[in-house]
Protein backbone atom coordinates (compact mmCIF):
# COMPACT_ATOMS: atom_id res chain seq x y z
CA UNK A 1 16.02 -218.04 -52.81
CA UNK A 2 12.93 -216.55 -55.46
CA UNK A 3 15.83 -215.11 -57.17
CA UNK A 4 17.93 -218.09 -58.35
CA UNK A 5 15.35 -220.09 -59.57
CA UNK A 6 14.23 -220.08 -63.15
CA UNK A 7 11.24 -218.92 -64.34
CA UNK A 8 8.25 -221.24 -64.26
CA UNK A 9 9.32 -222.00 -60.56
CA UNK A 10 8.13 -220.16 -57.25
CA UNK A 11 10.16 -221.43 -54.12
CA UNK A 12 7.51 -223.65 -52.07
CA UNK A 13 6.95 -222.40 -48.30
CA UNK A 14 5.78 -223.65 -45.26
CA UNK A 15 4.02 -221.00 -42.66
CA UNK A 16 6.27 -218.26 -44.68
CA UNK A 17 9.53 -220.07 -44.62
CA UNK A 18 11.79 -221.04 -47.52
CA UNK A 19 14.16 -223.70 -46.61
CA UNK A 20 17.43 -225.22 -48.29
CA UNK A 21 19.01 -228.18 -47.80
CA UNK A 22 22.34 -229.99 -47.40
CA UNK A 23 21.09 -233.63 -47.91
CA UNK A 24 24.42 -236.31 -48.14
CA UNK A 25 23.27 -239.78 -48.29
CA UNK A 26 24.17 -243.54 -50.14
CA UNK A 27 23.01 -244.64 -53.47
CA UNK A 28 23.12 -248.53 -53.02
CA UNK A 29 22.09 -250.80 -55.90
CA UNK A 30 21.66 -248.67 -58.64
CA UNK A 31 20.40 -250.13 -61.79
CA UNK A 32 18.27 -249.49 -65.07
CA UNK A 33 15.09 -251.20 -64.86
CA UNK A 34 15.22 -255.28 -65.32
CA UNK A 35 19.24 -255.08 -65.07
CA UNK A 36 20.99 -256.28 -62.36
CA UNK A 37 23.43 -254.04 -60.03
CA UNK A 38 27.18 -253.73 -61.06
CA UNK A 39 29.71 -254.01 -58.44
CA UNK A 40 31.81 -250.74 -58.35
CA UNK A 41 29.57 -248.57 -60.35
CA UNK A 42 25.96 -249.35 -58.66
CA UNK A 43 26.90 -248.17 -55.18
CA UNK A 44 28.04 -244.31 -54.31
CA UNK A 45 27.93 -241.42 -52.48
CA UNK A 46 25.83 -238.02 -53.03
CA UNK A 47 25.54 -234.92 -51.24
CA UNK A 48 23.17 -232.35 -52.74
CA UNK A 49 22.04 -228.84 -52.11
CA UNK A 50 18.27 -228.18 -52.71
CA UNK A 51 15.57 -226.26 -52.27
CA UNK A 52 11.30 -226.68 -52.58
CA UNK A 53 9.85 -225.60 -55.53
CA UNK A 54 6.07 -225.25 -57.30
CA UNK A 55 5.91 -225.03 -61.27
CA UNK A 56 3.27 -223.01 -63.16
CA UNK A 57 0.77 -226.78 -62.71
CA UNK A 58 0.90 -225.81 -59.42
CA UNK A 59 3.45 -229.16 -58.34
CA UNK A 60 5.49 -229.30 -55.54
CA UNK A 61 8.72 -230.50 -56.48
CA UNK A 62 12.39 -230.31 -55.37
CA UNK A 63 15.10 -227.90 -57.41
CA UNK A 64 18.94 -228.85 -57.18
CA UNK A 65 21.31 -226.67 -56.95
CA UNK A 66 23.97 -229.18 -56.67
CA UNK A 67 24.52 -232.53 -57.01
CA UNK A 68 28.25 -233.99 -55.80
CA UNK A 69 28.86 -237.90 -56.38
CA UNK A 70 31.61 -240.08 -56.50
CA UNK A 71 31.09 -242.28 -59.09
CA UNK A 72 31.70 -240.79 -63.16
CA UNK A 73 29.31 -242.69 -64.82
CA UNK A 74 26.23 -241.27 -62.53
CA UNK A 75 27.62 -238.29 -62.90
CA UNK A 76 27.44 -238.79 -66.75
CA UNK A 77 24.42 -240.11 -66.82
CA UNK A 78 22.27 -237.77 -64.68
CA UNK A 79 24.01 -234.74 -66.90
CA UNK A 80 23.01 -236.22 -70.28
CA UNK A 81 19.69 -237.67 -69.47
CA UNK A 82 17.80 -235.70 -66.76
CA UNK A 83 20.16 -232.49 -67.17
CA UNK A 84 20.87 -232.39 -63.19
CA UNK A 85 24.04 -230.14 -62.07
CA UNK A 86 25.88 -233.34 -60.97
CA UNK A 87 29.63 -232.43 -59.67
CA UNK A 88 32.77 -234.64 -59.96
CA UNK A 89 33.75 -235.49 -56.28
CA UNK A 90 36.10 -237.63 -53.81
CA UNK A 91 33.90 -238.55 -51.44
CA UNK A 92 33.90 -241.49 -48.45
CA UNK A 93 31.78 -241.86 -45.49
CA UNK A 94 33.46 -244.28 -42.93
CA UNK A 95 31.25 -245.76 -40.17
CA UNK A 96 32.24 -246.34 -36.65
CA UNK A 97 29.95 -247.04 -33.42
CA UNK A 98 26.78 -245.81 -35.03
CA UNK A 99 28.57 -242.71 -36.23
CA UNK A 100 28.68 -241.50 -40.17
CA UNK A 101 31.89 -239.48 -41.09
CA UNK A 102 30.94 -238.22 -44.59
CA UNK A 103 33.42 -236.37 -46.36
CA UNK A 104 32.85 -234.64 -49.63
CA UNK A 105 35.59 -232.76 -51.54
CA UNK A 106 35.22 -231.15 -55.22
CA UNK A 107 39.10 -230.59 -57.28
CA UNK A 108 39.71 -227.35 -56.27
CA UNK A 109 37.20 -226.81 -53.87
CA UNK A 110 36.80 -226.70 -50.01
CA UNK A 111 35.74 -229.84 -48.40
CA UNK A 112 33.35 -230.48 -46.69
CA UNK A 113 32.72 -233.04 -43.37
CA UNK A 114 29.51 -233.89 -41.63
CA UNK A 115 29.65 -236.51 -39.06
CA UNK A 116 26.04 -237.69 -37.70
CA UNK A 117 24.26 -240.34 -36.67
CA UNK A 118 20.59 -241.96 -36.63
CA UNK A 119 18.57 -242.64 -33.73
CA UNK A 120 17.30 -246.33 -34.45
CA UNK A 121 13.19 -245.17 -33.65
CA UNK A 122 11.93 -244.29 -36.72
CA UNK A 123 8.37 -242.64 -37.61
CA UNK A 124 7.04 -241.41 -40.52
CA UNK A 125 5.90 -238.06 -41.40
CA UNK A 126 2.43 -236.58 -40.71
CA UNK A 127 1.24 -234.46 -42.95
CA UNK A 128 0.87 -230.66 -42.68
CA UNK A 129 4.19 -230.84 -40.69
CA UNK A 130 7.62 -229.53 -41.80
CA UNK A 131 9.26 -233.18 -41.84
CA UNK A 132 6.35 -233.79 -44.66
CA UNK A 133 7.23 -230.67 -46.29
CA UNK A 134 11.00 -231.62 -46.68
CA UNK A 135 10.97 -235.07 -46.50
CA UNK A 136 7.61 -236.09 -49.06
CA UNK A 137 8.45 -234.83 -52.41
CA UNK A 138 7.56 -237.26 -55.29
CA UNK A 139 8.97 -234.59 -58.62
CA UNK A 140 12.34 -233.28 -59.62
CA UNK A 141 12.82 -230.15 -61.53
CA UNK A 142 15.26 -229.51 -64.04
CA UNK A 143 16.15 -226.89 -66.83
CA UNK A 144 16.74 -228.36 -70.07
CA UNK A 145 17.32 -227.06 -73.30
CA UNK A 146 13.69 -227.84 -73.85
CA UNK A 147 13.06 -225.63 -70.84
CA UNK A 148 11.54 -226.36 -67.65
CA UNK A 149 10.90 -230.61 -66.99
CA UNK A 150 9.65 -232.99 -64.04
CA UNK A 151 11.09 -236.36 -63.34
CA UNK A 152 8.55 -238.43 -61.33
CA UNK A 153 10.17 -240.14 -58.41
CA UNK A 154 8.41 -243.20 -56.70
CA UNK A 155 8.96 -244.90 -52.98
CA UNK A 156 7.23 -245.84 -50.09
CA UNK A 157 7.19 -242.55 -47.18
CA UNK A 158 10.34 -242.52 -45.68
CA UNK A 159 11.15 -243.75 -42.36
CA UNK A 160 12.16 -240.77 -40.72
CA UNK A 161 14.77 -240.78 -37.55
CA UNK A 162 16.40 -238.44 -35.11
CA UNK A 163 20.02 -237.17 -36.22
CA UNK A 164 22.56 -236.31 -33.44
CA UNK A 165 25.07 -233.86 -35.49
CA UNK A 166 28.90 -233.73 -34.61
CA UNK A 167 30.30 -231.90 -37.16
CA UNK A 168 29.32 -230.22 -39.98
CA UNK A 169 30.21 -227.39 -42.60
CA UNK A 170 28.38 -224.80 -44.91
CA UNK A 171 30.75 -225.11 -47.86
CA UNK A 172 28.39 -226.64 -50.07
CA UNK A 173 25.65 -223.69 -49.70
CA UNK A 174 28.66 -221.62 -50.54
CA UNK A 175 29.76 -223.23 -53.84
CA UNK A 176 26.07 -222.82 -54.87
CA UNK A 177 26.41 -219.22 -54.43
CA UNK A 178 24.21 -218.39 -50.64
CA UNK A 179 26.04 -216.75 -48.02
CA UNK A 180 27.16 -218.20 -44.62
CA UNK A 181 24.04 -218.23 -42.22
CA UNK A 182 26.43 -218.33 -39.18
CA UNK A 183 23.95 -220.60 -37.25
CA UNK A 184 23.60 -223.71 -37.22
CA UNK A 185 21.20 -225.65 -38.90
CA UNK A 186 17.69 -224.98 -38.29
CA UNK A 187 16.35 -228.87 -38.79
CA UNK A 188 17.81 -231.83 -38.50
CA UNK A 189 16.49 -235.16 -40.09
CA UNK A 190 17.96 -238.49 -41.20
CA UNK A 191 16.79 -241.66 -42.89
CA UNK A 192 17.63 -245.57 -43.34
CA UNK A 193 16.56 -245.37 -46.46
CA UNK A 194 13.70 -246.33 -48.71
CA UNK A 195 13.87 -248.13 -52.47
CA UNK A 196 12.89 -245.45 -54.86
CA UNK A 197 12.02 -245.45 -58.88
CA UNK A 198 13.07 -242.51 -61.27
CA UNK A 199 11.62 -242.01 -63.98
CA UNK A 200 12.38 -240.08 -67.52
CA UNK A 201 11.56 -236.17 -67.65
CA UNK A 202 8.36 -235.21 -68.82
CA UNK A 203 6.62 -231.91 -69.12
């Protein structure tokens, strides 16, 4: 993982282990501050491949290898203002009996499918645990023409839920340049979501 990061970033570890995450999720009511949501634009799907890093100042954050999205305006905005590696994709996530059947496919690439459901009971991660390490991140790091920049992300702690996984694949990892781990996911966790504020990139 360290070899895939730009100068100035160090892979973050917990008990000596680095982590890669595949995160499918919903975006709802996305809008600029003080503006109302816009039907057909403010709701969309995203799937990201990420790892966890520290910058030269010792700040802990998230590094994205890819972010697939089915909303062209969101892709343009994130690429233009946050210099994040967003990709256009066809995506759907129908739900039935609590199961989410999440599909993602970039043009010319193999499709991905994740079928899962979240337990109704939630909890907050305890500091020092793997769940806290993975979920409680409040900075995103981005490589811009002016060098590395970070964007603050503000939200309340994630309510976390156990996940039952029925179907999954590693195509997002392969598309990010990693090898097939040839084993099931090492850890599963989900969340019903929180309200998030994302601020402009700074040094």
